[in-house]
């Protein structure tokens, strides 16, 4: 009975220690890396979120028209130029067919 009670206490104490380490972190030991605290983990995640938010903002700037400098503006300009070249090429082909001796 005493041994059972002692084992219960030891298991409960280990769980409490695990919770403490999860909240406060634990230093590294030989062969075992340290464990960051919850605060450190949340701060790291916030830094990552801030970084990703900035990257998303940069991408959004490139896919919206902004007067010529965005990728979308450049693609639109190239599309217009291709249409003009295609029209010139088609006229050239039609005109060259008319000038052939028949």
C-alpha atoms as a PDB file:
ATOM      1  CA  UNK A   1       0.000   0.000   0.000  1.00  0.00           C
ATOM      2  CA  UNK A   2       2.798   2.400   0.893  1.00  0.00           C
ATOM      3  CA  UNK A   3       4.689   1.440  -2.277  1.00  0.00           C
ATOM      4  CA  UNK A   4       1.565   2.039  -4.394  1.00  0.00           C
ATOM      5  CA  UNK A   5       1.057   5.452  -2.811  1.00  0.00           C
ATOM      6  CA  UNK A   6       4.713   6.298  -3.338  1.00  0.00           C
ATOM      7  CA  UNK A   7       4.537   5.249  -7.021  1.00  0.00           C
ATOM      8  CA  UNK A   8       1.434   7.409  -7.481  1.00  0.00           C
ATOM      9  CA  UNK A   9       3.259  10.377  -5.959  1.00  0.00           C
ATOM     10  CA  UNK A  10       6.337   9.806  -8.172  1.00  0.00           C
ATOM     11  CA  UNK A  11       4.201   9.685 -11.355  1.00  0.00           C
ATOM     12  CA  UNK A  12       2.260  12.784 -10.296  1.00  0.00           C
ATOM     13  CA  UNK A  13       5.525  14.598  -9.504  1.00  0.00           C
ATOM     14  CA  UNK A  14       6.979  13.687 -12.954  1.00  0.00           C
ATOM     15  CA  UNK A  15       3.882  15.045 -14.661  1.00  0.00           C
ATOM     16  CA  UNK A  16       4.125  18.241 -12.644  1.00  0.00           C
ATOM     17  CA  UNK A  17       7.833  18.530 -13.539  1.00  0.00           C
ATOM     18  CA  UNK A  18       7.011  17.992 -17.247  1.00  0.00           C
ATOM     19  CA  UNK A  19       4.392  20.745 -17.072  1.00  0.00           C
ATOM     20  CA  UNK A  20       6.891  23.054 -15.353  1.00  0.00           C
ATOM     21  CA  UNK A  21       9.479  22.412 -18.076  1.00  0.00           C
ATOM     22  CA  UNK A  22       6.889  22.951 -20.806  1.00  0.00           C
ATOM     23  CA  UNK A  23       5.983  26.339 -19.357  1.00  0.00           C
ATOM     24  CA  UNK A  24       9.444  27.524 -18.284  1.00  0.00           C
ATOM     25  CA  UNK A  25      11.759  25.579 -20.587  1.00  0.00           C
ATOM     26  CA  UNK A  26      14.624  23.340 -19.620  1.00  0.00           C
ATOM     27  CA  UNK A  27      18.362  23.693 -20.140  1.00  0.00           C
ATOM     28  CA  UNK A  28      20.144  21.313 -22.466  1.00  0.00           C
ATOM     29  CA  UNK A  29      22.000  18.316 -21.159  1.00  0.00           C
ATOM     30  CA  UNK A  30      24.701  16.229 -22.832  1.00  0.00           C
ATOM     31  CA  UNK A  31      23.010  14.599 -25.808  1.00  0.00           C
ATOM     32  CA  UNK A  32      19.673  16.343 -25.168  1.00  0.00           C
ATOM     33  CA  UNK A  33      18.892  19.789 -26.597  1.00  0.00           C
ATOM     34  CA  UNK A  34      17.383  22.431 -24.360  1.00  0.00           C
ATOM     35  CA  UNK A  35      13.660  23.067 -24.357  1.00  0.00           C
ATOM     36  CA  UNK A  36      12.476  26.651 -24.942  1.00  0.00           C
ATOM     37  CA  UNK A  37       9.827  28.099 -22.659  1.00  0.00           C
ATOM     38  CA  UNK A  38       6.312  28.771 -23.895  1.00  0.00           C
ATOM     39  CA  UNK A  39       7.089  32.511 -23.940  1.00  0.00           C
ATOM     40  CA  UNK A  40      10.170  31.928 -26.111  1.00  0.00           C
ATOM     41  CA  UNK A  41       8.205  29.654 -28.432  1.00  0.00           C
ATOM     42  CA  UNK A  42       5.381  32.175 -28.806  1.00  0.00           C
ATOM     43  CA  UNK A  43       7.876  35.001 -29.413  1.00  0.00           C
ATOM     44  CA  UNK A  44       9.573  32.897 -32.106  1.00  0.00           C
ATOM     45  CA  UNK A  45       6.209  32.153 -33.744  1.00  0.00           C
ATOM     46  CA  UNK A  46       5.283  35.850 -33.655  1.00  0.00           C
ATOM     47  CA  UNK A  47       8.567  36.712 -35.392  1.00  0.00           C
ATOM     48  CA  UNK A  48       7.833  34.110 -38.079  1.00  0.00           C
ATOM     49  CA  UNK A  49       4.286  35.455 -38.538  1.00  0.00           C
ATOM     50  CA  UNK A  50       5.604  39.023 -38.880  1.00  0.00           C
ATOM     51  CA  UNK A  51       8.132  37.861 -41.467  1.00  0.00           C
ATOM     52  CA  UNK A  52       5.504  35.961 -43.452  1.00  0.00           C
ATOM     53  CA  UNK A  53       3.102  38.912 -43.276  1.00  0.00           C
ATOM     54  CA  UNK A  54       5.755  41.170 -44.784  1.00  0.00           C
ATOM     55  CA  UNK A  55       6.423  38.649 -47.554  1.00  0.00           C
ATOM     56  CA  UNK A  56       2.685  38.413 -48.341  1.00  0.00           C
ATOM     57  CA  UNK A  57       2.480  42.229 -48.512  1.00  0.00           C
ATOM     58  CA  UNK A  58       5.420  42.266 -50.939  1.00  0.00           C
ATOM     59  CA  UNK A  59       3.733  39.657 -53.133  1.00  0.00           C
ATOM     60  CA  UNK A  60       0.430  41.546 -53.056  1.00  0.00           C
ATOM     61  CA  UNK A  61       2.219  44.666 -54.288  1.00  0.00           C
ATOM     62  CA  UNK A  62       3.549  42.736 -57.277  1.00  0.00           C
ATOM     63  CA  UNK A  63       0.209  41.256 -58.349  1.00  0.00           C
ATOM     64  CA  UNK A  64      -1.755  44.527 -58.282  1.00  0.00           C
ATOM     65  CA  UNK A  65      -1.609  47.262 -60.906  1.00  0.00           C
ATOM     66  CA  UNK A  66       0.459  50.171 -59.645  1.00  0.00           C
ATOM     67  CA  UNK A  67       1.152  52.242 -62.736  1.00  0.00           C
ATOM     68  CA  UNK A  68       3.860  50.204 -64.424  1.00  0.00           C
ATOM     69  CA  UNK A  69       6.188  48.811 -61.804  1.00  0.00           C
ATOM     70  CA  UNK A  70       4.428  45.630 -60.745  1.00  0.00           C
ATOM     71  CA  UNK A  71       4.764  42.239 -62.387  1.00  0.00           C
ATOM     72  CA  UNK A  72       1.084  42.423 -63.328  1.00  0.00           C
ATOM     73  CA  UNK A  73       1.660  45.734 -65.126  1.00  0.00           C
ATOM     74  CA  UNK A  74       4.650  44.320 -67.011  1.00  0.00           C
ATOM     75  CA  UNK A  75       2.716  41.206 -68.070  1.00  0.00           C
ATOM     76  CA  UNK A  76      -0.206  43.365 -69.231  1.00  0.00           C
ATOM     77  CA  UNK A  77       2.178  45.584 -71.231  1.00  0.00           C
ATOM     78  CA  UNK A  78       3.841  42.545 -72.825  1.00  0.00           C
ATOM     79  CA  UNK A  79       0.431  41.117 -73.722  1.00  0.00           C
ATOM     80  CA  UNK A  80      -0.493  44.361 -75.495  1.00  0.00           C
ATOM     81  CA  UNK A  81       2.830  44.393 -77.365  1.00  0.00           C
ATOM     82  CA  UNK A  82       2.355  40.775 -78.455  1.00  0.00           C
ATOM     83  CA  UNK A  83      -1.106  41.636 -79.773  1.00  0.00           C
ATOM     84  CA  UNK A  84       0.380  44.516 -81.812  1.00  0.00           C
ATOM     85  CA  UNK A  85       3.189  42.325 -83.160  1.00  0.00           C
ATOM     86  CA  UNK A  86       0.716  39.588 -84.040  1.00  0.00           C
ATOM     87  CA  UNK A  87      -1.446  42.075 -85.949  1.00  0.00           C
ATOM     88  CA  UNK A  88       1.620  43.410 -87.843  1.00  0.00           C
ATOM     89  CA  UNK A  89       2.762  39.874 -88.638  1.00  0.00           C
ATOM     90  CA  UNK A  90      -0.701  38.860 -89.876  1.00  0.00           C
ATOM     91  CA  UNK A  91      -0.890  41.985 -92.119  1.00  0.00           C
ATOM     92  CA  UNK A  92       2.587  41.217 -93.442  1.00  0.00           C
ATOM     93  CA  UNK A  93       1.600  37.647 -94.309  1.00  0.00           C
ATOM     94  CA  UNK A  94      -1.575  38.802 -96.016  1.00  0.00           C
ATOM     95  CA  UNK A  95       0.267  41.508 -97.973  1.00  0.00           C
ATOM     96  CA  UNK A  96       3.066  39.173 -99.028  1.00  0.00           C
ATOM     97  CA  UNK A  97       0.509  36.731-100.390  1.00  0.00           C
ATOM     98  CA  UNK A  98      -1.043  39.491-102.531  1.00  0.00           C
ATOM     99  CA  UNK A  99       2.321  40.481-104.027  1.00  0.00           C
ATOM    100  CA  UNK A 100       3.171  37.007-105.303  1.00  0.00           C
ATOM    101  CA  UNK A 101       3.027  36.531-108.992  1.00  0.00           C
ATOM    102  CA  UNK A 102       0.177  34.220-109.763  1.00  0.00           C
END
